[in-house]
C-alpha atoms as a PDB file:
ATOM      1  CA  MET A   1     245.110 112.269 -53.140  1.00  0.00           C
ATOM      2  CA  LYS A   2     247.730 113.518 -50.682  1.00  0.00           C
ATOM      3  CA  LEU A   3     247.870 116.816 -52.575  1.00  0.00           C
ATOM      4  CA  LEU A   4     244.176 117.557 -52.047  1.00  0.00           C
ATOM      5  CA  PRO A   5     244.522 118.823 -48.434  1.00  0.00           C
ATOM      6  CA  ALA A   6     247.429 121.051 -49.510  1.00  0.00           C
ATOM      7  CA  VAL A   7     245.372 122.475 -52.399  1.00  0.00           C
ATOM      8  CA  VAL A   8     242.395 123.107 -50.107  1.00  0.00           C
ATOM      9  CA  LEU A   9     244.652 124.724 -47.499  1.00  0.00           C
ATOM     10  CA  ALA A  10     246.347 126.932 -50.116  1.00  0.00           C
ATOM     11  CA  SER A  11     242.978 127.951 -51.543  1.00  0.00           C
ATOM     12  CA  ALA A  12     241.604 128.793 -48.101  1.00  0.00           C
ATOM     13  CA  THR A  13     244.737 130.798 -47.272  1.00  0.00           C
ATOM     14  CA  LEU A  14     244.510 132.804 -50.516  1.00  0.00           C
ATOM     15  CA  SER A  15     240.822 133.496 -49.887  1.00  0.00           C
ATOM     16  CA  SER A  16     241.598 134.708 -46.377  1.00  0.00           C
ATOM     17  CA  LEU A  17     244.399 136.953 -47.615  1.00  0.00           C
ATOM     18  CA  ALA A  18     242.127 138.436 -50.277  1.00  0.00           C
ATOM     19  CA  ALA A  19     239.462 139.185 -47.667  1.00  0.00           C
ATOM     20  CA  VAL A  20     242.017 140.851 -45.378  1.00  0.00           C
ATOM     21  CA  ALA A  21     243.399 142.917 -48.264  1.00  0.00           C
ATOM     22  CA  ALA A  22     239.899 144.047 -49.256  1.00  0.00           C
ATOM     23  CA  ASP A  23     239.195 145.201 -45.692  1.00  0.00           C
ATOM     24  CA  ALA A  24     242.616 146.844 -45.172  1.00  0.00           C
ATOM     25  CA  PRO A  25     241.493 150.457 -45.905  1.00  0.00           C
ATOM     26  CA  ALA A  26     238.427 150.031 -43.686  1.00  0.00           C
ATOM     27  CA  ALA A  27     240.506 148.470 -40.907  1.00  0.00           C
ATOM     28  CA  LYS A  28     242.779 151.550 -40.845  1.00  0.00           C
ATOM     29  CA  ASN A  29     239.872 154.005 -40.841  1.00  0.00           C
ATOM     30  CA  PRO A  30     239.276 155.302 -37.301  1.00  0.00           C
ATOM     31  CA  LEU A  31     235.471 155.548 -37.521  1.00  0.00           C
ATOM     32  CA  SER A  32     232.684 153.148 -38.407  1.00  0.00           C
ATOM     33  CA  VAL A  33     228.916 153.044 -37.846  1.00  0.00           C
ATOM     34  CA  HIS A  34     226.298 150.315 -37.797  1.00  0.00           C
ATOM     35  CA  VAL A  35     222.483 150.600 -37.847  1.00  0.00           C
ATOM     36  CA  LEU A  36     220.307 147.757 -36.588  1.00  0.00           C
ATOM     37  CA  ASN A  37     216.516 147.749 -36.864  1.00  0.00           C
ATOM     38  CA  LEU A  38     215.010 146.941 -33.469  1.00  0.00           C
ATOM     39  CA  GLN A  39     211.606 146.265 -35.015  1.00  0.00           C
ATOM     40  CA  THR A  40     212.815 143.554 -37.396  1.00  0.00           C
ATOM     41  CA  GLY A  41     216.094 142.519 -35.779  1.00  0.00           C
ATOM     42  CA  VAL A  42     218.083 142.937 -38.997  1.00  0.00           C
ATOM     43  CA  PRO A  43     220.658 145.452 -40.259  1.00  0.00           C
ATOM     44  CA  THR A  44     219.284 148.636 -41.795  1.00  0.00           C
ATOM     45  CA  ALA A  45     220.623 149.305 -45.287  1.00  0.00           C
ATOM     46  CA  GLY A  46     220.186 152.656 -47.012  1.00  0.00           C
ATOM     47  CA  VAL A  47     220.530 155.085 -44.095  1.00  0.00           C
ATOM     48  CA  ASN A  48     222.432 158.241 -45.055  1.00  0.00           C
ATOM     49  CA  VAL A  49     224.972 159.318 -42.447  1.00  0.00           C
ATOM     50  CA  GLU A  50     227.002 162.515 -42.139  1.00  0.00           C
ATOM     51  CA  LEU A  51     230.149 163.123 -40.108  1.00  0.00           C
ATOM     52  CA  GLU A  52     230.855 166.585 -38.732  1.00  0.00           C
ATOM     53  CA  GLN A  53     233.673 167.988 -36.612  1.00  0.00           C
ATOM     54  CA  LYS A  54     233.362 170.902 -34.206  1.00  0.00           C
ATOM     55  CA  GLN A  55     235.797 173.580 -35.305  1.00  0.00           C
ATOM     56  CA  GLN A  56     235.795 176.618 -33.041  1.00  0.00           C
ATOM     57  CA  ASP A  57     232.061 177.324 -32.515  1.00  0.00           C
ATOM     58  CA  LYS A  58     230.587 175.628 -35.584  1.00  0.00           C
ATOM     59  CA  TRP A  59     230.089 172.144 -37.012  1.00  0.00           C
ATOM     60  CA  VAL A  60     231.934 171.413 -40.270  1.00  0.00           C
ATOM     61  CA  LYS A  61     230.916 168.505 -42.496  1.00  0.00           C
ATOM     62  CA  LEU A  62     233.800 166.100 -43.117  1.00  0.00           C
ATOM     63  CA  ALA A  63     232.184 163.135 -44.858  1.00  0.00           C
ATOM     64  CA  SER A  64     229.003 161.268 -45.639  1.00  0.00           C
ATOM     65  CA  GLY A  65     228.004 157.764 -46.595  1.00  0.00           C
ATOM     66  CA  THR A  66     225.129 155.305 -46.800  1.00  0.00           C
ATOM     67  CA  THR A  67     224.828 152.088 -44.823  1.00  0.00           C
ATOM     68  CA  ASP A  68     225.429 148.943 -46.876  1.00  0.00           C
ATOM     69  CA  GLN A  69     223.383 145.710 -46.932  1.00  0.00           C
ATOM     70  CA  ASN A  70     224.856 144.851 -43.519  1.00  0.00           C
ATOM     71  CA  GLY A  71     223.781 148.210 -42.100  1.00  0.00           C
ATOM     72  CA  ARG A  72     227.395 149.367 -41.915  1.00  0.00           C
ATOM     73  CA  ILE A  73     229.705 152.106 -43.061  1.00  0.00           C
ATOM     74  CA  SER A  74     233.092 150.645 -42.242  1.00  0.00           C
ATOM     75  CA  ALA A  75     235.151 153.724 -43.156  1.00  0.00           C
ATOM     76  CA  LEU A  76     233.328 156.980 -42.425  1.00  0.00           C
ATOM     77  CA  TYR A  77     236.336 159.177 -41.633  1.00  0.00           C
ATOM     78  CA  PRO A  78     237.818 160.888 -44.717  1.00  0.00           C
ATOM     79  CA  ALA A  79     240.762 159.000 -46.216  1.00  0.00           C
ATOM     80  CA  GLY A  80     244.013 160.926 -46.066  1.00  0.00           C
ATOM     81  CA  LYS A  81     242.838 163.264 -43.285  1.00  0.00           C
ATOM     82  CA  THR A  82     244.616 163.083 -39.924  1.00  0.00           C
ATOM     83  CA  PHE A  83     242.320 161.919 -37.117  1.00  0.00           C
ATOM     84  CA  ALA A  84     242.394 164.739 -34.563  1.00  0.00           C
ATOM     85  CA  GLU A  85     241.273 164.980 -30.956  1.00  0.00           C
ATOM     86  CA  GLY A  86     238.046 166.880 -30.433  1.00  0.00           C
ATOM     87  CA  ASP A  87     234.280 166.739 -30.711  1.00  0.00           C
ATOM     88  CA  TYR A  88     232.551 164.989 -33.599  1.00  0.00           C
ATOM     89  CA  LYS A  89     228.953 164.444 -34.596  1.00  0.00           C
ATOM     90  CA  VAL A  90     227.522 161.563 -36.589  1.00  0.00           C
ATOM     91  CA  VAL A  91     224.078 162.418 -37.966  1.00  0.00           C
ATOM     92  CA  PHE A  92     221.859 159.505 -38.986  1.00  0.00           C
ATOM     93  CA  LYS A  93     219.280 160.747 -41.523  1.00  0.00           C
ATOM     94  CA  THR A  94     216.482 158.531 -40.265  1.00  0.00           C
ATOM     95  CA  GLY A  95     213.635 160.659 -41.608  1.00  0.00           C
ATOM     96  CA  GLU A  96     214.912 160.191 -45.166  1.00  0.00           C
ATOM     97  CA  TYR A  97     215.226 156.447 -44.594  1.00  0.00           C
ATOM     98  CA  TYR A  98     211.708 156.023 -43.188  1.00  0.00           C
ATOM     99  CA  GLN A  99     210.262 158.158 -45.976  1.00  0.00           C
ATOM    100  CA  LYS A 100     211.869 155.787 -48.540  1.00  0.00           C
ATOM    101  CA  VAL A 101     210.319 152.747 -46.841  1.00  0.00           C
ATOM    102  CA  LYS A 102     206.978 154.585 -46.445  1.00  0.00           C
ATOM    103  CA  GLN A 103     206.871 154.520 -42.648  1.00  0.00           C
ATOM    104  CA  GLU A 104     206.395 157.301 -40.139  1.00  0.00           C
ATOM    105  CA  THR A 105     209.062 158.188 -37.608  1.00  0.00           C
ATOM    106  CA  PHE A 106     209.296 160.526 -34.655  1.00  0.00           C
ATOM    107  CA  PHE A 107     212.974 161.325 -35.347  1.00  0.00           C
ATOM    108  CA  PRO A 108     213.808 163.063 -38.643  1.00  0.00           C
ATOM    109  CA  GLU A 109     217.486 162.671 -37.789  1.00  0.00           C
ATOM    110  CA  ILE A 110     219.558 161.344 -34.928  1.00  0.00           C
ATOM    111  CA  PRO A 111     222.706 163.297 -34.044  1.00  0.00           C
ATOM    112  CA  VAL A 112     225.266 161.461 -31.932  1.00  0.00           C
ATOM    113  CA  ILE A 113     227.925 163.759 -30.491  1.00  0.00           C
ATOM    114  CA  PHE A 114     231.089 162.166 -29.127  1.00  0.00           C
ATOM    115  CA  HIS A 115     234.573 163.176 -28.029  1.00  0.00           C
ATOM    116  CA  VAL A 116     237.777 161.716 -29.450  1.00  0.00           C
ATOM    117  CA  ALA A 117     240.540 161.738 -26.868  1.00  0.00           C
ATOM    118  CA  LYS A 118     242.757 158.940 -28.204  1.00  0.00           C
ATOM    119  CA  THR A 119     243.404 159.172 -31.923  1.00  0.00           C
ATOM    120  CA  ASP A 120     245.156 155.797 -32.032  1.00  0.00           C
ATOM    121  CA  GLN A 121     241.898 153.985 -31.205  1.00  0.00           C
ATOM    122  CA  HIS A 122     239.017 152.912 -33.432  1.00  0.00           C
ATOM    123  CA  TYR A 123     235.625 154.490 -32.738  1.00  0.00           C
ATOM    124  CA  HIS A 124     232.500 152.502 -33.641  1.00  0.00           C
ATOM    125  CA  ILE A 125     229.038 154.062 -33.265  1.00  0.00           C
ATOM    126  CA  PRO A 126     226.182 151.528 -33.421  1.00  0.00           C
ATOM    127  CA  LEU A 127     222.609 152.775 -33.632  1.00  0.00           C
ATOM    128  CA  LEU A 128     219.750 150.540 -32.513  1.00  0.00           C
ATOM    129  CA  LEU A 129     216.795 152.034 -34.349  1.00  0.00           C
ATOM    130  CA  SER A 130     213.022 151.893 -34.344  1.00  0.00           C
ATOM    131  CA  GLN A 131     210.470 154.405 -35.603  1.00  0.00           C
ATOM    132  CA  TYR A 132     209.874 155.900 -32.166  1.00  0.00           C
ATOM    133  CA  GLY A 133     213.067 155.246 -30.258  1.00  0.00           C
ATOM    134  CA  TYR A 134     216.770 154.588 -30.497  1.00  0.00           C
ATOM    135  CA  SER A 135     219.806 153.692 -28.475  1.00  0.00           C
ATOM    136  CA  THR A 136     223.513 154.086 -29.132  1.00  0.00           C
ATOM    137  CA  TYR A 137     226.807 153.335 -27.409  1.00  0.00           C
ATOM    138  CA  ARG A 138     230.517 153.144 -28.150  1.00  0.00           C
ATOM    139  CA  GLY A 139     231.118 149.803 -29.792  1.00  0.00           C
ATOM    140  CA  ASN A 140     234.321 148.173 -30.915  1.00  0.00           C
END
């Protein structure tokens, strides 16, 4: 019986290490997004998102992804690409999402333009979404 707490502790430790290892690539990625549905109060899965970088006078697509069941894309910045200072744009394809769920929306897409000044920091862009309004901010 004295071994039981040690077995439970070892099992819990291994589970924690596995979870950390699974999130390691996402934790190193400098950019994540999160979409929350203001109408229902739950995460919004299935929203396509594009990342663009301003290069000279034009926007260049770097990556894209789709929000998971938790409404998140934990690693939107391209793996292996150096995170550079400058202007970026995250485009939430909300019109496509609302068309899939057979609802109208006023916003076919929501572009969020932001400036990266410190490349050693993580940038998190949450989007609070409803059919006829939205809000965003720099999260952590």
